[in-house]
Amino acid sequence: MNWGCRRLTITTGPTCIRLCARRSLLAAHQGSEAAAEFQKILDHRGIVLNEPIGALAHLQLGRAYALQGDSCQESRRLQRFLTLWKDADPDIPILKQSQGGVREARAEQRVVQEG
């Protein structure tokens, strides 16, 4: 899995380093630790202002919840990301992936509710 830290152009310096560290928690399947770190971004939105990193924090938080097996929170966070990026170019790969993730999370929720 390529986390794309070198291709990250939305921020530079210490913010980028912290973002890559948070993403590495996801790669290491440390869902609860990753969720706590991405929640910090959402709790301090004034730091990122209107940069895409704020919206991407919802996406990454959804992925952290998925690692924890919480499909309800996963779906909620992915949907929030999609709402924030509703006017984005539909061909952006991360946007396409998140749309697929919402569908998968909703399908999992139905299975849990029926079972």
Protein backbone atom coordinates (compact mmCIF):
# COMPACT_ATOMS: atom_id res chain seq x y z
CA MET A 1 0.00 0.00 0.00
CA ASN A 2 1.43 3.35 -1.03
CA TRP A 3 0.68 6.07 1.50
CA GLY A 4 2.04 8.74 -0.84
CA CYS A 5 3.93 10.85 1.68
CA ARG A 6 6.33 12.11 -0.98
CA ARG A 7 3.48 13.04 -3.30
CA LEU A 8 1.64 14.95 -0.60
CA THR A 9 1.57 18.53 -1.81
CA ILE A 10 -1.15 20.00 0.38
CA THR A 11 1.18 20.63 3.31
CA THR A 12 4.86 20.77 4.00
CA GLY A 13 7.16 20.57 6.96
CA PRO A 14 6.08 19.30 10.37
CA THR A 15 2.41 18.95 9.38
CA CYS A 16 3.33 16.56 6.58
CA ILE A 17 5.57 14.56 8.89
CA ARG A 18 2.78 14.19 11.45
CA LEU A 19 0.32 13.19 8.72
CA CYS A 20 2.69 10.48 7.50
CA ALA A 21 3.14 9.26 11.07
CA ARG A 22 -0.63 9.01 11.47
CA ARG A 23 -0.93 7.15 8.20
CA SER A 24 1.75 4.72 9.32
CA LEU A 25 -0.47 3.80 12.28
CA LEU A 26 -3.12 2.75 9.77
CA ALA A 27 -0.58 0.76 7.80
CA ALA A 28 0.44 -0.99 11.02
CA HIS A 29 -3.23 -1.87 11.68
CA GLN A 30 -3.29 0.17 14.88
CA GLY A 31 -6.85 1.40 14.44
CA SER A 32 -7.53 2.89 17.86
CA GLU A 33 -4.24 4.80 17.92
CA ALA A 34 -4.79 6.06 14.38
CA ALA A 35 -8.36 7.12 15.21
CA ALA A 36 -7.13 9.14 18.18
CA GLU A 37 -4.50 10.87 16.04
CA PHE A 38 -6.86 11.75 13.17
CA GLN A 39 -9.45 12.96 15.69
CA LYS A 40 -6.85 15.47 16.90
CA ILE A 41 -6.90 17.06 13.43
CA LEU A 42 -10.68 17.40 13.56
CA ASP A 43 -10.56 18.77 17.10
CA HIS A 44 -8.11 21.51 16.03
CA ARG A 45 -9.46 22.57 12.65
CA GLY A 46 -8.02 26.05 12.95
CA ILE A 47 -4.57 24.59 12.40
CA VAL A 48 -5.36 23.27 8.93
CA LEU A 49 -7.84 26.01 8.01
CA ASN A 50 -9.33 25.17 4.62
CA GLU A 51 -6.61 22.80 3.42
CA PRO A 52 -7.71 19.40 2.14
CA ILE A 53 -6.01 17.72 5.10
CA GLY A 54 -9.07 18.57 7.22
CA ALA A 55 -11.42 16.70 4.90
CA LEU A 56 -8.92 13.89 4.46
CA ALA A 57 -8.85 13.46 8.24
CA HIS A 58 -12.48 12.27 8.02
CA LEU A 59 -11.48 9.72 5.40
CA GLN A 60 -8.52 8.44 7.41
CA LEU A 61 -10.60 8.37 10.59
CA GLY A 62 -13.14 6.24 8.73
CA ARG A 63 -10.37 3.85 7.75
CA ALA A 64 -9.22 3.69 11.37
CA TYR A 65 -12.75 2.80 12.46
CA ALA A 66 -12.83 0.11 9.78
CA LEU A 67 -9.73 -1.44 11.32
CA GLN A 68 -11.57 -1.49 14.63
CA GLY A 69 -14.59 -3.18 13.03
CA ASP A 70 -16.89 -0.18 13.58
CA SER A 71 -18.69 -0.02 10.23
CA CYS A 72 -21.23 2.53 11.49
CA GLN A 73 -18.57 5.11 12.37
CA GLU A 74 -16.61 4.18 9.24
CA SER A 75 -19.61 4.91 7.04
CA ARG A 76 -20.37 8.14 8.90
CA ARG A 77 -16.84 9.49 8.46
CA LEU A 78 -16.56 8.42 4.82
CA GLN A 79 -19.90 10.08 4.10
CA ARG A 80 -18.68 13.28 5.77
CA PHE A 81 -15.57 13.22 3.57
CA LEU A 82 -17.72 12.75 0.46
CA THR A 83 -19.98 15.63 1.52
CA LEU A 84 -16.99 17.92 1.95
CA TRP A 85 -15.60 16.88 -1.44
CA LYS A 86 -18.93 16.80 -3.31
CA ASP A 87 -17.68 19.34 -5.88
CA ALA A 88 -14.31 17.66 -6.42
CA ASP A 89 -13.23 16.13 -9.70
CA PRO A 90 -14.98 12.71 -9.75
CA ASP A 91 -11.90 11.06 -11.27
CA ILE A 92 -9.67 11.68 -8.23
CA PRO A 93 -8.56 8.17 -7.15
CA ILE A 94 -8.97 8.74 -3.42
CA LEU A 95 -12.51 10.00 -4.01
CA LYS A 96 -13.38 6.89 -6.02
CA GLN A 97 -11.93 4.64 -3.31
CA SER A 98 -13.92 6.36 -0.58
CA GLN A 99 -17.16 6.01 -2.54
CA GLY A 100 -16.52 2.28 -2.76
CA GLY A 101 -15.72 2.22 0.96
CA VAL A 102 -19.08 3.77 1.82
CA ARG A 103 -20.88 1.10 -0.19
CA GLU A 104 -18.92 -1.67 1.53
CA ALA A 105 -19.52 -0.22 5.02
CA ARG A 106 -23.24 0.08 4.38
CA ALA A 107 -23.42 -3.50 3.11
CA GLU A 108 -21.61 -4.68 6.25
CA GLN A 109 -24.01 -2.72 8.43
CA ARG A 110 -26.98 -4.45 6.78
CA VAL A 111 -25.44 -7.86 7.42
CA VAL A 112 -24.86 -7.02 11.08
CA GLN A 113 -28.41 -5.68 11.49
CA GLU A 114 -29.97 -8.73 9.83
CA GLY A 115 -27.80 -11.21 11.76
